[in-house]
């Protein structure tokens, strides 16, 4: 197939009015939150948020095992809060690289950053990034 033939065959599919011409609406928030299956069927999910300069965000990701829900709020430069709900029959690994001088807290308990991730069992979780007060 020559290049001209390809152009004629696919040109009409590459505009904003065709499904292949635009990014699906869920691609940007899913990339922002980094929610992906780690094992087939979402037995284990990974959550790798990359919020950058956002002040707040929320997401609901339907899976075969239920909906993963998340919200993020930038309270101050010293405090950012993630609230995540994991459905039954699923666990998730929450991964975030805390900046130097920040602590990671999971449901009120300090998390050792050396582990690289926090295991989230089914249910609701609060994860805080807190700047050390030293």
Protein backbone atom coordinates (compact mmCIF):
# COMPACT_ATOMS: atom_id res chain seq x y z
CA UNK A 1 0.00 0.00 0.00
CA UNK A 2 1.47 3.32 -0.99
CA UNK A 3 1.45 6.35 1.26
CA UNK A 4 -1.18 8.02 -0.93
CA UNK A 5 -3.46 5.01 -0.56
CA UNK A 6 -3.04 5.06 3.23
CA UNK A 7 -3.88 8.77 3.31
CA UNK A 8 -7.05 8.23 1.33
CA UNK A 9 -8.13 5.22 3.35
CA UNK A 10 -7.57 6.65 6.86
CA UNK A 11 -7.71 10.42 6.47
CA UNK A 12 -11.39 10.71 7.42
CA UNK A 13 -10.80 8.76 10.66
CA UNK A 14 -8.25 11.20 12.07
CA UNK A 15 -10.38 14.23 12.86
CA UNK A 16 -11.95 15.20 16.21
CA UNK A 17 -15.31 13.74 15.18
CA UNK A 18 -14.04 10.18 15.00
CA UNK A 19 -13.15 7.93 17.95
CA UNK A 20 -9.60 7.42 16.67
CA UNK A 21 -9.02 11.14 16.23
CA UNK A 22 -9.16 12.20 19.88
CA UNK A 23 -7.83 10.92 23.18
CA UNK A 24 -10.55 9.03 25.07
CA UNK A 25 -11.93 11.08 27.94
CA UNK A 26 -10.68 8.64 30.58
CA UNK A 27 -7.07 8.49 29.36
CA UNK A 28 -5.96 11.76 30.95
CA UNK A 29 -7.37 11.20 34.47
CA UNK A 30 -6.22 7.57 34.50
CA UNK A 31 -2.72 8.70 33.56
CA UNK A 32 -2.85 11.42 36.20
CA UNK A 33 -3.77 8.89 38.88
CA UNK A 34 -1.74 6.04 37.37
CA UNK A 35 -4.39 3.42 38.14
CA UNK A 36 -3.52 0.19 36.33
CA UNK A 37 -4.03 -3.54 36.90
CA UNK A 38 -0.90 -5.23 38.24
CA UNK A 39 -2.42 -8.69 37.84
CA UNK A 40 -5.12 -9.80 35.37
CA UNK A 41 -8.64 -8.82 36.35
CA UNK A 42 -7.46 -6.19 38.85
CA UNK A 43 -6.68 -8.75 41.58
CA UNK A 44 -3.93 -6.30 42.45
CA UNK A 45 -4.05 -2.71 41.24
CA UNK A 46 -1.30 -0.11 41.21
CA UNK A 47 -1.96 3.55 41.96
CA UNK A 48 0.87 5.94 41.05
CA UNK A 49 -0.52 9.48 41.23
CA UNK A 50 1.31 12.37 39.58
CA UNK A 51 -0.61 15.48 40.60
CA UNK A 52 2.04 18.12 39.84
CA UNK A 53 0.48 21.57 40.50
CA UNK A 54 -3.16 20.46 40.78
CA UNK A 55 -5.11 21.71 43.80
CA UNK A 56 -7.65 18.87 43.76
CA UNK A 57 -8.72 15.89 41.71
CA UNK A 58 -11.08 12.95 41.96
CA UNK A 59 -11.58 9.78 39.97
CA UNK A 60 -13.73 6.66 39.80
CA UNK A 61 -12.29 3.73 37.85
CA UNK A 62 -14.71 0.87 37.23
CA UNK A 63 -13.15 -2.60 37.30
CA UNK A 64 -14.58 -6.11 37.14
CA UNK A 65 -14.22 -6.27 40.95
CA UNK A 66 -15.82 -2.91 41.72
CA UNK A 67 -14.99 0.77 41.48
CA UNK A 68 -11.72 2.25 42.70
CA UNK A 69 -12.44 5.75 44.02
CA UNK A 70 -9.88 8.43 44.74
CA UNK A 71 -9.74 12.07 45.70
CA UNK A 72 -6.79 14.42 46.15
CA UNK A 73 -6.61 17.75 47.88
CA UNK A 74 -3.66 20.14 48.06
CA UNK A 75 -4.25 21.73 51.46
CA UNK A 76 -0.99 23.69 51.76
CA UNK A 77 2.60 23.29 50.56
CA UNK A 78 3.07 21.36 53.83
CA UNK A 79 0.08 18.98 53.45
CA UNK A 80 -1.46 17.02 50.58
CA UNK A 81 -4.19 14.43 51.20
CA UNK A 82 -5.27 11.39 49.14
CA UNK A 83 -8.44 9.51 50.03
CA UNK A 84 -8.76 6.16 48.28
CA UNK A 85 -11.42 3.48 48.41
CA UNK A 86 -10.57 -0.05 47.28
CA UNK A 87 -13.43 -2.48 46.48
CA UNK A 88 -13.77 -5.93 48.07
CA UNK A 89 -11.72 -8.81 46.64
CA UNK A 90 -8.94 -6.46 45.54
CA UNK A 91 -5.79 -4.95 46.98
CA UNK A 92 -3.79 -2.04 45.64
CA UNK A 93 -0.24 -0.79 45.84
CA UNK A 94 -0.07 2.98 46.28
CA UNK A 95 3.26 4.32 45.04
CA UNK A 96 4.47 7.87 45.38
CA UNK A 97 7.97 9.20 45.68
CA UNK A 98 7.86 11.67 48.56
CA UNK A 99 10.01 14.74 48.10
CA UNK A 100 12.92 15.24 50.45
CA UNK A 101 11.64 16.46 53.81
CA UNK A 102 8.15 14.97 53.36
CA UNK A 103 6.69 12.07 55.29
CA UNK A 104 4.08 9.63 54.05
CA UNK A 105 1.26 8.86 56.50
CA UNK A 106 -1.29 6.06 55.95
CA UNK A 107 -4.39 6.21 58.14
CA UNK A 108 -2.47 8.25 60.73
CA UNK A 109 0.65 6.05 60.82
CA UNK A 110 4.04 6.97 59.38
CA UNK A 111 5.12 4.80 56.45
CA UNK A 112 8.75 3.88 55.88
CA UNK A 113 9.63 5.35 52.47
CA UNK A 114 12.14 2.53 51.91
CA UNK A 115 9.28 0.15 51.08
CA UNK A 116 8.43 2.20 47.98
CA UNK A 117 4.70 1.49 48.20
CA UNK A 118 1.80 1.22 50.62
CA UNK A 119 -0.43 -1.85 50.46
CA UNK A 120 -4.09 -0.90 50.49
CA UNK A 121 -6.59 -3.56 51.57
CA UNK A 122 -10.28 -3.29 50.63
CA UNK A 123 -11.91 -0.27 52.26
CA UNK A 124 -11.20 3.44 52.75
CA UNK A 125 -7.73 4.90 53.16
CA UNK A 126 -6.29 8.32 53.92
CA UNK A 127 -2.76 9.00 52.75
CA UNK A 128 -1.06 12.26 53.66
CA UNK A 129 2.15 13.80 52.41
CA UNK A 130 3.37 15.96 55.28
CA UNK A 131 6.39 18.28 55.41
CA UNK A 132 8.60 17.64 58.44
CA UNK A 133 8.43 20.49 60.93
CA UNK A 134 12.16 20.36 61.72
